[in-house]
Amino acid sequence: MFVFFVACALIINLLLGLFKQIVSQKKISLYLDQKKVELEKLEEENKILKEGLKETEKPDFLSSEAGRLFGLTKDGLFPQNTAEEEKPKTQTVPVKIPNWQKWANLFK
C-alpha cells in the first residue's frame, strides 16, 4: 500500500512538472511572438529611415532644402516678392456696438 502512495505521489509530481513546463513554454512562445512583431515594426521604421537618408545624399538635396527652409535660390539670393506673399492678409471686421452703448455714447 505504501508503494502505491509513493508511486501516485511521483506520478502527480511528474504531471505537475510537465504542466509547469508546458505553461512556461507557452509564455516563452507568446513573448517571442511579441518580440517578432516589435522587430518587424523596427525593421520597417529602419527601412523608411534608410530611404530618407538616401534622399539626403542626393546632390540637389542641400539646395532644395535651403530653398524650402530659408527661401533661397541657387544664387543665394532671396526671391522677389516673398515677403509680400508670406504676410497674411487681414480684413478689418467692424465691431458691433450694442444699441444701449450707442445711446450711452450719445449722451456723454
PDB file of N, CA and C in Angstrom:
ATOM      1  N   MET A   1       0.808  -1.195   0.000  1.00  0.00           N
ATOM      2  CA  MET A   1       0.000   0.000   0.000  1.00  0.00           C
ATOM      3  C   MET A   1       0.857   1.267   0.000  1.00  0.00           C
ATOM      4  N   PHE A   2       1.924   1.236   0.786  1.00  0.00           N
ATOM      5  CA  PHE A   2       2.820   2.371   0.857  1.00  0.00           C
ATOM      6  C   PHE A   2       3.459   2.656  -0.502  1.00  0.00           C
ATOM      7  N   VAL A   3       3.804   1.603  -1.202  1.00  0.00           N
ATOM      8  CA  VAL A   3       4.412   1.740  -2.529  1.00  0.00           C
ATOM      9  C   VAL A   3       3.425   2.393  -3.501  1.00  0.00           C
ATOM     10  N   PHE A   4       2.162   2.052  -3.355  1.00  0.00           N
ATOM     11  CA  PHE A   4       1.135   2.645  -4.212  1.00  0.00           C
ATOM     12  C   PHE A   4       1.053   4.158  -4.001  1.00  0.00           C
ATOM     13  N   PHE A   5       1.083   4.613  -2.738  1.00  0.00           N
ATOM     14  CA  PHE A   5       1.022   6.051  -2.446  1.00  0.00           C
ATOM     15  C   PHE A   5       2.271   6.779  -2.941  1.00  0.00           C
ATOM     16  N   VAL A   6       3.409   6.143  -2.805  1.00  0.00           N
ATOM     17  CA  VAL A   6       4.658   6.741  -3.291  1.00  0.00           C
ATOM     18  C   VAL A   6       4.609   6.842  -4.811  1.00  0.00           C
ATOM     19  N   ALA A   7       4.129   5.808  -5.476  1.00  0.00           N
ATOM     20  CA  ALA A   7       4.027   5.822  -6.939  1.00  0.00           C
ATOM     21  C   ALA A   7       3.047   6.901  -7.386  1.00  0.00           C
ATOM     22  N   CYS A   8       1.910   7.024  -6.679  1.00  0.00           N
ATOM     23  CA  CYS A   8       0.933   8.079  -7.021  1.00  0.00           C
ATOM     24  C   CYS A   8       1.542   9.457  -6.817  1.00  0.00           C
ATOM     25  N   ALA A   9       2.290   9.645  -5.737  1.00  0.00           N
ATOM     26  CA  ALA A   9       2.931  10.936  -5.463  1.00  0.00           C
ATOM     27  C   ALA A   9       3.942  11.272  -6.554  1.00  0.00           C
ATOM     28  N   LEU A  10       4.703  10.280  -6.993  1.00  0.00           N
ATOM     29  CA  LEU A  10       5.671  10.502  -8.068  1.00  0.00           C
ATOM     30  C   LEU A  10       4.973  10.855  -9.381  1.00  0.00           C
ATOM     31  N   ILE A  11       3.918  10.163  -9.699  1.00  0.00           N
ATOM     32  CA  ILE A  11       3.173  10.451 -10.939  1.00  0.00           C
ATOM     33  C   ILE A  11       2.574  11.857 -10.882  1.00  0.00           C
ATOM     34  N   ILE A  12       2.003  12.224  -9.744  1.00  0.00           N
ATOM     35  CA  ILE A  12       1.419  13.568  -9.599  1.00  0.00           C
ATOM     36  C   ILE A  12       2.512  14.628  -9.715  1.00  0.00           C
ATOM     37  N   ASN A  13       3.657  14.343  -9.103  1.00  0.00           N
ATOM     38  CA  ASN A  13       4.779  15.281  -9.185  1.00  0.00           C
ATOM     39  C   ASN A  13       5.253  15.436 -10.628  1.00  0.00           C
ATOM     40  N   LEU A  14       5.357  14.327 -11.340  1.00  0.00           N
ATOM     41  CA  LEU A  14       5.764  14.380 -12.749  1.00  0.00           C
ATOM     42  C   LEU A  14       4.746  15.146 -13.594  1.00  0.00           C
ATOM     43  N   LEU A  15       3.454  14.918 -13.343  1.00  0.00           N
ATOM     44  CA  LEU A  15       2.420  15.629 -14.097  1.00  0.00           C
ATOM     45  C   LEU A  15       2.438  17.131 -13.817  1.00  0.00           C
ATOM     46  N   LEU A  16       2.634  17.494 -12.541  1.00  0.00           N
ATOM     47  CA  LEU A  16       2.728  18.916 -12.199  1.00  0.00           C
ATOM     48  C   LEU A  16       3.946  19.568 -12.849  1.00  0.00           C
ATOM     49  N   GLY A  17       5.072  18.850 -12.851  1.00  0.00           N
ATOM     50  CA  GLY A  17       6.273  19.366 -13.508  1.00  0.00           C
ATOM     51  C   GLY A  17       6.050  19.556 -14.998  1.00  0.00           C
ATOM     52  N   LEU A  18       5.377  18.568 -15.606  1.00  0.00           N
ATOM     53  CA  LEU A  18       5.071  18.663 -17.038  1.00  0.00           C
ATOM     54  C   LEU A  18       4.138  19.840 -17.316  1.00  0.00           C
ATOM     55  N   PHE A  19       3.143  20.018 -16.461  1.00  0.00           N
ATOM     56  CA  PHE A  19       2.205  21.126 -16.616  1.00  0.00           C
ATOM     57  C   PHE A  19       2.931  22.463 -16.496  1.00  0.00           C
ATOM     58  N   LYS A  20       3.831  22.594 -15.504  1.00  0.00           N
ATOM     59  CA  LYS A  20       4.602  23.831 -15.332  1.00  0.00           C
ATOM     60  C   LYS A  20       5.480  24.100 -16.556  1.00  0.00           C
ATOM     61  N   GLN A  21       6.048  23.056 -17.118  1.00  0.00           N
ATOM     62  CA  GLN A  21       6.905  23.218 -18.284  1.00  0.00           C
ATOM     63  C   GLN A  21       6.084  23.662 -19.498  1.00  0.00           C
ATOM     64  N   ILE A  22       4.894  23.102 -19.645  1.00  0.00           N
ATOM     65  CA  ILE A  22       4.021  23.490 -20.765  1.00  0.00           C
ATOM     66  C   ILE A  22       3.618  24.956 -20.629  1.00  0.00           C
ATOM     67  N   VAL A  23       3.247  25.377 -19.423  1.00  0.00           N
ATOM     68  CA  VAL A  23       2.870  26.780 -19.194  1.00  0.00           C
ATOM     69  C   VAL A  23       4.056  27.697 -19.468  1.00  0.00           C
ATOM     70  N   SER A  24       5.226  27.297 -19.024  1.00  0.00           N
ATOM     71  CA  SER A  24       6.432  28.084 -19.248  1.00  0.00           C
ATOM     72  C   SER A  24       6.728  28.211 -20.753  1.00  0.00           C
ATOM     73  N   GLN A  25       6.595  27.110 -21.483  1.00  0.00           N
ATOM     74  CA  GLN A  25       6.816  27.136 -22.932  1.00  0.00           C
ATOM     75  C   GLN A  25       5.817  28.066 -23.627  1.00  0.00           C
ATOM     76  N   LYS A  26       4.575  28.053 -23.164  1.00  0.00           N
ATOM     77  CA  LYS A  26       3.540  28.905 -23.758  1.00  0.00           C
ATOM     78  C   LYS A  26       3.867  30.381 -23.527  1.00  0.00           C
ATOM     79  N   LYS A  27       4.311  30.725 -22.304  1.00  0.00           N
ATOM     80  CA  LYS A  27       4.689  32.104 -22.001  1.00  0.00           C
ATOM     81  C   LYS A  27       5.863  32.544 -22.866  1.00  0.00           C
ATOM     82  N   ILE A  28       6.838  31.669 -23.014  1.00  0.00           N
ATOM     83  CA  ILE A  28       8.006  31.991 -23.842  1.00  0.00           C
ATOM     84  C   ILE A  28       7.587  32.178 -25.294  1.00  0.00           C
ATOM     85  N   SER A  29       6.684  31.347 -25.774  1.00  0.00           N
ATOM     86  CA  SER A  29       6.203  31.453 -27.142  1.00  0.00           C
ATOM     87  C   SER A  29       5.474  32.783 -27.368  1.00  0.00           C
ATOM     88  N   LEU A  30       4.630  33.188 -26.428  1.00  0.00           N
ATOM     89  CA  LEU A  30       3.938  34.474 -26.539  1.00  0.00           C
ATOM     90  C   LEU A  30       4.923  35.630 -26.511  1.00  0.00           C
ATOM     91  N   TYR A  31       5.925  35.550 -25.647  1.00  0.00           N
ATOM     92  CA  TYR A  31       6.942  36.590 -25.556  1.00  0.00           C
ATOM     93  C   TYR A  31       7.703  36.717 -26.878  1.00  0.00           C
ATOM     94  N   LEU A  32       8.064  35.571 -27.466  1.00  0.00           N
ATOM     95  CA  LEU A  32       8.787  35.596 -28.741  1.00  0.00           C
ATOM     96  C   LEU A  32       7.922  36.171 -29.865  1.00  0.00           C
ATOM     97  N   ASP A  33       6.631  35.850 -29.866  1.00  0.00           N
ATOM     98  CA  ASP A  33       5.732  36.410 -30.876  1.00  0.00           C
ATOM     99  C   ASP A  33       5.649  37.921 -30.752  1.00  0.00           C
ATOM    100  N   GLN A  34       5.568  38.437 -29.519  1.00  0.00           N
ATOM    101  CA  GLN A  34       5.527  39.880 -29.320  1.00  0.00           C
ATOM    102  C   GLN A  34       6.808  40.536 -29.805  1.00  0.00           C
ATOM    103  N   LYS A  35       7.933  39.918 -29.524  1.00  0.00           N
ATOM    104  CA  LYS A  35       9.221  40.470 -29.942  1.00  0.00           C
ATOM    105  C   LYS A  35       9.379  40.411 -31.462  1.00  0.00           C
ATOM    106  N   LYS A  36       8.802  39.397 -32.105  1.00  0.00           N
ATOM    107  CA  LYS A  36       8.856  39.327 -33.569  1.00  0.00           C
ATOM    108  C   LYS A  36       8.067  40.474 -34.191  1.00  0.00           C
ATOM    109  N   VAL A  37       6.904  40.780 -33.627  1.00  0.00           N
ATOM    110  CA  VAL A  37       6.097  41.896 -34.127  1.00  0.00           C
ATOM    111  C   VAL A  37       6.848  43.208 -33.926  1.00  0.00           C
ATOM    112  N   GLU A  38       7.457  43.362 -32.760  1.00  0.00           N
ATOM    113  CA  GLU A  38       8.230  44.567 -32.477  1.00  0.00           C
ATOM    114  C   GLU A  38       9.414  44.683 -33.436  1.00  0.00           C
ATOM    115  N   LEU A  39      10.069  43.564 -33.725  1.00  0.00           N
ATOM    116  CA  LEU A  39      11.194  43.554 -34.654  1.00  0.00           C
ATOM    117  C   LEU A  39      10.746  43.959 -36.050  1.00  0.00           C
ATOM    118  N   GLU A  40       9.594  43.467 -36.500  1.00  0.00           N
ATOM    119  CA  GLU A  40       9.082  43.822 -37.821  1.00  0.00           C
ATOM    120  C   GLU A  40       8.794  45.317 -37.912  1.00  0.00           C
ATOM    121  N   LYS A  41       8.219  45.891 -36.849  1.00  0.00           N
ATOM    122  CA  LYS A  41       7.953  47.329 -36.837  1.00  0.00           C
ATOM    123  C   LYS A  41       9.252  48.121 -36.903  1.00  0.00           C
ATOM    124  N   LEU A  42      10.247  47.696 -36.139  1.00  0.00           N
ATOM    125  CA  LEU A  42      11.532  48.396 -36.143  1.00  0.00           C
ATOM    126  C   LEU A  42      12.238  48.271 -37.488  1.00  0.00           C
ATOM    127  N   GLU A  43      12.122  47.106 -38.122  1.00  0.00           N
ATOM    128  CA  GLU A  43      12.725  46.936 -39.441  1.00  0.00           C
ATOM    129  C   GLU A  43      12.048  47.834 -40.471  1.00  0.00           C
ATOM    130  N   GLU A  44      10.723  47.983 -40.369  1.00  0.00           N
ATOM    131  CA  GLU A  44      10.000  48.871 -41.285  1.00  0.00           C
ATOM    132  C   GLU A  44      10.425  50.323 -41.061  1.00  0.00           C
ATOM    133  N   GLU A  45      10.547  50.710 -39.798  1.00  0.00           N
ATOM    134  CA  GLU A  45      10.987  52.069 -39.489  1.00  0.00           C
ATOM    135  C   GLU A  45      12.410  52.291 -39.985  1.00  0.00           C
ATOM    136  N   ASN A  46      13.260  51.288 -39.827  1.00  0.00           N
ATOM    137  CA  ASN A  46      14.636  51.379 -40.298  1.00  0.00           C
ATOM    138  C   ASN A  46      14.676  51.536 -41.817  1.00  0.00           C
ATOM    139  N   LYS A  47      13.805  50.827 -42.511  1.00  0.00           N
ATOM    140  CA  LYS A  47      13.743  50.917 -43.974  1.00  0.00           C
ATOM    141  C   LYS A  47      13.346  52.338 -44.394  1.00  0.00           C
ATOM    142  N   ILE A  48      12.369  52.917 -43.700  1.00  0.00           N
ATOM    143  CA  ILE A  48      11.923  54.272 -44.021  1.00  0.00           C
ATOM    144  C   ILE A  48      13.049  55.273 -43.759  1.00  0.00           C
ATOM    145  N   LEU A  49      13.755  55.093 -42.653  1.00  0.00           N
ATOM    146  CA  LEU A  49      14.857  55.996 -42.330  1.00  0.00           C
ATOM    147  C   LEU A  49      16.002  55.877 -43.335  1.00  0.00           C
ATOM    148  N   LYS A  50      16.273  54.655 -43.803  1.00  0.00           N
ATOM    149  CA  LYS A  50      17.321  54.481 -44.811  1.00  0.00           C
ATOM    150  C   LYS A  50      16.942  55.154 -46.121  1.00  0.00           C
ATOM    151  N   GLU A  51      15.655  55.087 -46.488  1.00  0.00           N
ATOM    152  CA  GLU A  51      15.207  55.764 -47.700  1.00  0.00           C
ATOM    153  C   GLU A  51      15.350  57.278 -47.553  1.00  0.00           C
ATOM    154  N   GLY A  52      15.052  57.789 -46.372  1.00  0.00           N
ATOM    155  CA  GLY A  52      15.230  59.221 -46.114  1.00  0.00           C
ATOM    156  C   GLY A  52      16.694  59.618 -46.180  1.00  0.00           C
ATOM    157  N   LEU A  53      17.562  58.744 -45.698  1.00  0.00           N
ATOM    158  CA  LEU A  53      18.991  59.020 -45.755  1.00  0.00           C
ATOM    159  C   LEU A  53      19.473  59.050 -47.201  1.00  0.00           C
ATOM    160  N   LYS A  54      18.944  58.154 -48.033  1.00  0.00           N
ATOM    161  CA  LYS A  54      19.318  58.157 -49.444  1.00  0.00           C
ATOM    162  C   LYS A  54      18.917  59.465 -50.100  1.00  0.00           C
ATOM    163  N   GLU A  55      17.761  60.019 -49.691  1.00  0.00           N
ATOM    164  CA  GLU A  55      17.311  61.297 -50.245  1.00  0.00           C
ATOM    165  C   GLU A  55      18.280  62.418 -49.874  1.00  0.00           C
ATOM    166  N   THR A  56      18.802  62.383 -48.644  1.00  0.00           N
ATOM    167  CA  THR A  56      19.706  63.453 -48.213  1.00  0.00           C
ATOM    168  C   THR A  56      21.071  63.349 -48.867  1.00  0.00           C
ATOM    169  N   GLU A  57      21.418  62.181 -49.387  1.00  0.00           N
ATOM    170  CA  GLU A  57      22.713  62.009 -50.026  1.00  0.00           C
ATOM    171  C   GLU A  57      22.712  62.469 -51.482  1.00  0.00           C
ATOM    172  N   LYS A  58      21.558  62.813 -52.017  1.00  0.00           N
ATOM    173  CA  LYS A  58      21.492  63.295 -53.391  1.00  0.00           C
ATOM    174  C   LYS A  58      22.132  64.675 -53.479  1.00  0.00           C
ATOM    175  N   PRO A  59      22.759  64.993 -54.637  1.00  0.00           N
ATOM    176  CA  PRO A  59      23.477  66.271 -54.741  1.00  0.00           C
ATOM    177  C   PRO A  59      22.564  67.507 -54.669  1.00  0.00           C
ATOM    178  N   ASP A  60      21.352  67.420 -55.119  1.00  0.00           N
ATOM    179  CA  ASP A  60      20.490  68.599 -55.126  1.00  0.00           C
ATOM    180  C   ASP A  60      19.675  68.754 -53.851  1.00  0.00           C
ATOM    181  N   PHE A  61      19.897  67.885 -52.873  1.00  0.00           N
ATOM    182  CA  PHE A  61      19.120  67.945 -51.626  1.00  0.00           C
ATOM    183  C   PHE A  61      19.406  69.223 -50.849  1.00  0.00           C
ATOM    184  N   LEU A  62      20.688  69.585 -50.752  1.00  0.00           N
ATOM    185  CA  LEU A  62      21.053  70.755 -49.957  1.00  0.00           C
ATOM    186  C   LEU A  62      20.453  72.031 -50.536  1.00  0.00           C
ATOM    187  N   SER A  63      20.510  72.181 -51.839  1.00  0.00           N
ATOM    188  CA  SER A  63      19.952  73.398 -52.442  1.00  0.00           C
ATOM    189  C   SER A  63      18.427  73.428 -52.332  1.00  0.00           C
ATOM    190  N   SER A  64      17.790  72.282 -52.472  1.00  0.00           N
ATOM    191  CA  SER A  64      16.336  72.271 -52.364  1.00  0.00           C
ATOM    192  C   SER A  64      15.893  72.538 -50.924  1.00  0.00           C
ATOM    193  N   GLU A  65      16.626  72.018 -49.938  1.00  0.00           N
ATOM    194  CA  GLU A  65      16.284  72.286 -48.541  1.00  0.00           C
ATOM    195  C   GLU A  65      16.528  73.747 -48.184  1.00  0.00           C
ATOM    196  N   ALA A  66      17.596  74.324 -48.717  1.00  0.00           N
ATOM    197  CA  ALA A  66      17.846  75.747 -48.458  1.00  0.00           C
ATOM    198  C   ALA A  66      16.724  76.591 -49.050  1.00  0.00           C
ATOM    199  N   GLY A  67      16.264  76.218 -50.220  1.00  0.00           N
ATOM    200  CA  GLY A  67      15.150  76.943 -50.825  1.00  0.00           C
ATOM    201  C   GLY A  67      13.869  76.762 -50.042  1.00  0.00           C
ATOM    202  N   ARG A  68      13.634  75.581 -49.554  1.00  0.00           N
ATOM    203  CA  ARG A  68      12.403  75.306 -48.821  1.00  0.00           C
ATOM    204  C   ARG A  68      12.418  75.972 -47.454  1.00  0.00           C
ATOM    205  N   LEU A  69      13.516  75.852 -46.731  1.00  0.00           N
ATOM    206  CA  LEU A  69      13.562  76.360 -45.365  1.00  0.00           C
ATOM    207  C   LEU A  69      13.799  77.865 -45.282  1.00  0.00           C
ATOM    208  N   PHE A  70      14.687  78.381 -46.128  1.00  0.00           N
ATOM    209  CA  PHE A  70      15.092  79.772 -45.994  1.00  0.00           C
ATOM    210  C   PHE A  70      14.633  80.652 -47.151  1.00  0.00           C
ATOM    211  N   GLY A  71      13.982  80.065 -48.126  1.00  0.00           N
ATOM    212  CA  GLY A  71      13.517  80.848 -49.268  1.00  0.00           C
ATOM    213  C   GLY A  71      14.649  81.299 -50.168  1.00  0.00           C
ATOM    214  N   LEU A  72      15.741  80.553 -50.201  1.00  0.00           N
ATOM    215  CA  LEU A  72      16.894  80.935 -51.019  1.00  0.00           C
ATOM    216  C   LEU A  72      16.806  80.311 -52.403  1.00  0.00           C
ATOM    217  N   THR A  73      17.406  81.002 -53.356  1.00  0.00           N
ATOM    218  CA  THR A  73      17.524  80.443 -54.694  1.00  0.00           C
ATOM    219  C   THR A  73      18.916  79.844 -54.831  1.00  0.00           C
ATOM    220  N   LYS A  74      19.236  79.299 -55.983  1.00  0.00           N
ATOM    221  CA  LYS A  74      20.559  78.700 -56.167  1.00  0.00           C
ATOM    222  C   LYS A  74      21.666  79.745 -56.111  1.00  0.00           C
ATOM    223  N   ASP A  75      21.336  80.984 -56.414  1.00  0.00           N
ATOM    224  CA  ASP A  75      22.340  82.046 -56.366  1.00  0.00           C
ATOM    225  C   ASP A  75      22.560  82.540 -54.937  1.00  0.00           C
ATOM    226  N   GLY A  76      21.746  82.103 -54.009  1.00  0.00           N
ATOM    227  CA  GLY A  76      21.871  82.531 -52.632  1.00  0.00           C
ATOM    228  C   GLY A  76      21.101  83.806 -52.350  1.00  0.00           C
ATOM    229  N   LEU A  77      20.337  84.273 -53.319  1.00  0.00           N
ATOM    230  CA  LEU A  77      19.559  85.491 -53.141  1.00  0.00           C
ATOM    231  C   LEU A  77      18.132  85.144 -52.765  1.00  0.00           C
ATOM    232  N   PHE A  78      17.504  86.075 -52.059  1.00  0.00           N
ATOM    233  CA  PHE A  78      16.100  85.880 -51.736  1.00  0.00           C
ATOM    234  C   PHE A  78      15.274  86.147 -52.983  1.00  0.00           C
ATOM    235  N   PRO A  79      14.324  85.321 -53.275  1.00  0.00           N
ATOM    236  CA  PRO A  79      13.469  85.586 -54.425  1.00  0.00           C
ATOM    237  C   PRO A  79      12.614  86.832 -54.182  1.00  0.00           C
ATOM    238  N   GLN A  80      12.236  87.462 -55.257  1.00  0.00           N
ATOM    239  CA  GLN A  80      11.443  88.679 -55.142  1.00  0.00           C
ATOM    240  C   GLN A  80      10.032  88.341 -54.693  1.00  0.00           C
ATOM    241  N   ASN A  81       9.417  89.262 -53.973  1.00  0.00           N
ATOM    242  CA  ASN A  81       8.018  89.201 -53.544  1.00  0.00           C
ATOM    243  C   ASN A  81       7.731  88.103 -52.522  1.00  0.00           C
ATOM    244  N   THR A  82       8.748  87.538 -51.903  1.00  0.00           N
ATOM    245  CA  THR A  82       8.446  86.514 -50.903  1.00  0.00           C
ATOM    246  C   THR A  82       7.918  87.130 -49.627  1.00  0.00           C
ATOM    247  N   ALA A  83       8.409  88.315 -49.275  1.00  0.00           N
ATOM    248  CA  ALA A  83       7.947  88.962 -48.050  1.00  0.00           C
ATOM    249  C   ALA A  83       6.486  89.360 -48.177  1.00  0.00           C
ATOM    250  N   GLU A  84       6.096  89.799 -49.355  1.00  0.00           N
ATOM    251  CA  GLU A  84       4.712  90.197 -49.562  1.00  0.00           C
ATOM    252  C   GLU A  84       3.778  88.992 -49.578  1.00  0.00           C
ATOM    253  N   GLU A  85       4.245  87.870 -50.117  1.00  0.00           N
ATOM    254  CA  GLU A  85       3.407  86.679 -50.198  1.00  0.00           C
ATOM    255  C   GLU A  85       3.219  86.035 -48.832  1.00  0.00           C
ATOM    256  N   GLU A  86       4.226  86.141 -47.967  1.00  0.00           N
ATOM    257  CA  GLU A  86       4.147  85.493 -46.671  1.00  0.00           C
ATOM    258  C   GLU A  86       3.290  86.258 -45.680  1.00  0.00           C
ATOM    259  N   LYS A  87       3.071  87.553 -45.914  1.00  0.00           N
ATOM    260  CA  LYS A  87       2.259  88.322 -44.986  1.00  0.00           C
ATOM    261  C   LYS A  87       0.799  87.890 -45.114  1.00  0.00           C
ATOM    262  N   PRO A  88       0.180  87.566 -44.019  1.00  0.00           N
ATOM    263  CA  PRO A  88      -1.232  87.211 -44.110  1.00  0.00           C
ATOM    264  C   PRO A  88      -2.073  88.469 -44.337  1.00  0.00           C
ATOM    265  N   LYS A  89      -3.033  88.351 -45.195  1.00  0.00           N
ATOM    266  CA  LYS A  89      -3.908  89.474 -45.481  1.00  0.00           C
ATOM    267  C   LYS A  89      -5.056  89.444 -44.480  1.00  0.00           C
ATOM    268  N   THR A  90      -5.125  90.506 -43.703  1.00  0.00           N
ATOM    269  CA  THR A  90      -6.173  90.574 -42.691  1.00  0.00           C
ATOM    270  C   THR A  90      -7.246  91.547 -43.127  1.00  0.00           C
ATOM    271  N   GLN A  91      -8.432  91.250 -42.771  1.00  0.00           N
ATOM    272  CA  GLN A  91      -9.551  92.135 -43.052  1.00  0.00           C
ATOM    273  C   GLN A  91     -10.049  92.676 -41.729  1.00  0.00           C
ATOM    274  N   THR A  92     -10.403  93.966 -41.759  1.00  0.00           N
ATOM    275  CA  THR A  92     -10.934  94.543 -40.539  1.00  0.00           C
ATOM    276  C   THR A  92     -12.416  94.229 -40.464  1.00  0.00           C
ATOM    277  N   VAL A  93     -12.815  93.717 -39.339  1.00  0.00           N
ATOM    278  CA  VAL A  93     -14.212  93.374 -39.119  1.00  0.00           C
ATOM    279  C   VAL A  93     -14.802  94.462 -38.229  1.00  0.00           C
ATOM    280  N   PRO A  94     -15.876  95.115 -38.674  1.00  0.00           N
ATOM    281  CA  PRO A  94     -16.452  96.153 -37.834  1.00  0.00           C
ATOM    282  C   PRO A  94     -17.007  95.554 -36.541  1.00  0.00           C
ATOM    283  N   VAL A  95     -16.719  96.245 -35.457  1.00  0.00           N
ATOM    284  CA  VAL A  95     -17.170  95.779 -34.154  1.00  0.00           C
ATOM    285  C   VAL A  95     -18.609  96.229 -33.965  1.00  0.00           C
ATOM    286  N   LYS A  96     -19.463  95.313 -33.621  1.00  0.00           N
ATOM    287  CA  LYS A  96     -20.867  95.666 -33.400  1.00  0.00           C
ATOM    288  C   LYS A  96     -21.022  96.195 -31.980  1.00  0.00           C
ATOM    289  N   ILE A  97     -21.525  97.418 -31.908  1.00  0.00           N
ATOM    290  CA  ILE A  97     -21.766  98.044 -30.615  1.00  0.00           C
ATOM    291  C   ILE A  97     -23.236  97.849 -30.291  1.00  0.00           C
ATOM    292  N   PRO A  98     -23.546  97.369 -29.092  1.00  0.00           N
ATOM    293  CA  PRO A  98     -24.946  97.191 -28.731  1.00  0.00           C
ATOM    294  C   PRO A  98     -25.695  98.541 -28.722  1.00  0.00           C
ATOM    295  N   ASN A  99     -26.980  98.464 -28.928  1.00  0.00           N
ATOM    296  CA  ASN A  99     -27.804  99.671 -29.043  1.00  0.00           C
ATOM    297  C   ASN A  99     -27.742 100.515 -27.769  1.00  0.00           C
ATOM    298  N   TRP A 100     -27.769  99.888 -26.596  1.00  0.00           N
ATOM    299  CA  TRP A 100     -27.719 100.658 -25.360  1.00  0.00           C
ATOM    300  C   TRP A 100     -26.409 101.412 -25.230  1.00  0.00           C
ATOM    301  N   GLN A 101     -25.302 100.830 -25.782  1.00  0.00           N
ATOM    302  CA  GLN A 101     -24.000 101.501 -25.732  1.00  0.00           C
ATOM    303  C   GLN A 101     -24.001 102.716 -26.657  1.00  0.00           C
ATOM    304  N   LYS A 102     -24.676 102.611 -27.782  1.00  0.00           N
ATOM    305  CA  LYS A 102     -24.772 103.765 -28.689  1.00  0.00           C
ATOM    306  C   LYS A 102     -25.486 104.921 -28.002  1.00  0.00           C
ATOM    307  N   TRP A 103     -26.578 104.634 -27.279  1.00  0.00           N
ATOM    308  CA  TRP A 103     -27.311 105.684 -26.576  1.00  0.00           C
ATOM    309  C   TRP A 103     -26.463 106.281 -25.455  1.00  0.00           C
ATOM    310  N   ALA A 104     -25.705 105.430 -24.754  1.00  0.00           N
ATOM    311  CA  ALA A 104     -24.857 105.943 -23.682  1.00  0.00           C
ATOM    312  C   ALA A 104     -23.768 106.837 -24.240  1.00  0.00           C
ATOM    313  N   ASN A 105     -23.221 106.469 -25.399  1.00  0.00           N
ATOM    314  CA  ASN A 105     -22.196 107.301 -26.030  1.00  0.00           C
ATOM    315  C   ASN A 105     -22.782 108.629 -26.520  1.00  0.00           C
ATOM    316  N   LEU A 106     -24.042 108.608 -26.932  1.00  0.00           N
ATOM    317  CA  LEU A 106     -24.692 109.826 -27.428  1.00  0.00           C
ATOM    318  C   LEU A 106     -24.828 110.867 -26.340  1.00  0.00           C
ATOM    319  N   PHE A 107     -25.124 110.481 -25.110  1.00  0.00           N
ATOM    320  CA  PHE A 107     -25.355 111.433 -24.027  1.00  0.00           C
ATOM    321  C   PHE A 107     -24.089 111.746 -23.238  1.00  0.00           C
ATOM    322  N   LYS A 108     -22.979 111.275 -23.595  1.00  0.00           N
ATOM    323  CA  LYS A 108     -21.734 111.617 -22.888  1.00  0.00           C
ATOM    324  C   LYS A 108     -21.261 112.988 -23.254  1.00  0.00           C
TER     325      LYS A 108
END
